[in-house]
């Protein structure tokens, strides 16, 4: 019976197959975790910038400085309410061309697992502009 493997040989073959497949499996799982976190943070930053610009444009009777301050606090508040640390967030409101408010927001992301540091972007960035 040359074609059949013994029980011991079959276990050894299964261990070798697992060792060959394990790096690919780990890359898929850890990559899904890192990219999932990055896309979550990116959507929070985009929505925070949009919310800051919206709040800034709704201040019709406020001064320009008050509108910019309200836009910045709304952007930072949105990031905090989403469960992210506002200390790492950057929300910068400014006036745009014509009667508009521009809010740029960024948040550091990087890799949660440390496995995809070279591939996952280090910052999530967004810019939103709304007219009064």
Foldseek 3Di string as FASTA:
>chain_A
DVPDDDPVVVVVVVVVVCVVCVVVVVCVVQVCVQVVQLVLVLVLQAVLQVQLQVQLQVPPPDDNVVSQVSSQVSSLVSCVVSPHDSVQKDWGWDQDPDQKIKIKIKGARAGPVPPQRVPRDGMRIYMDMDHD
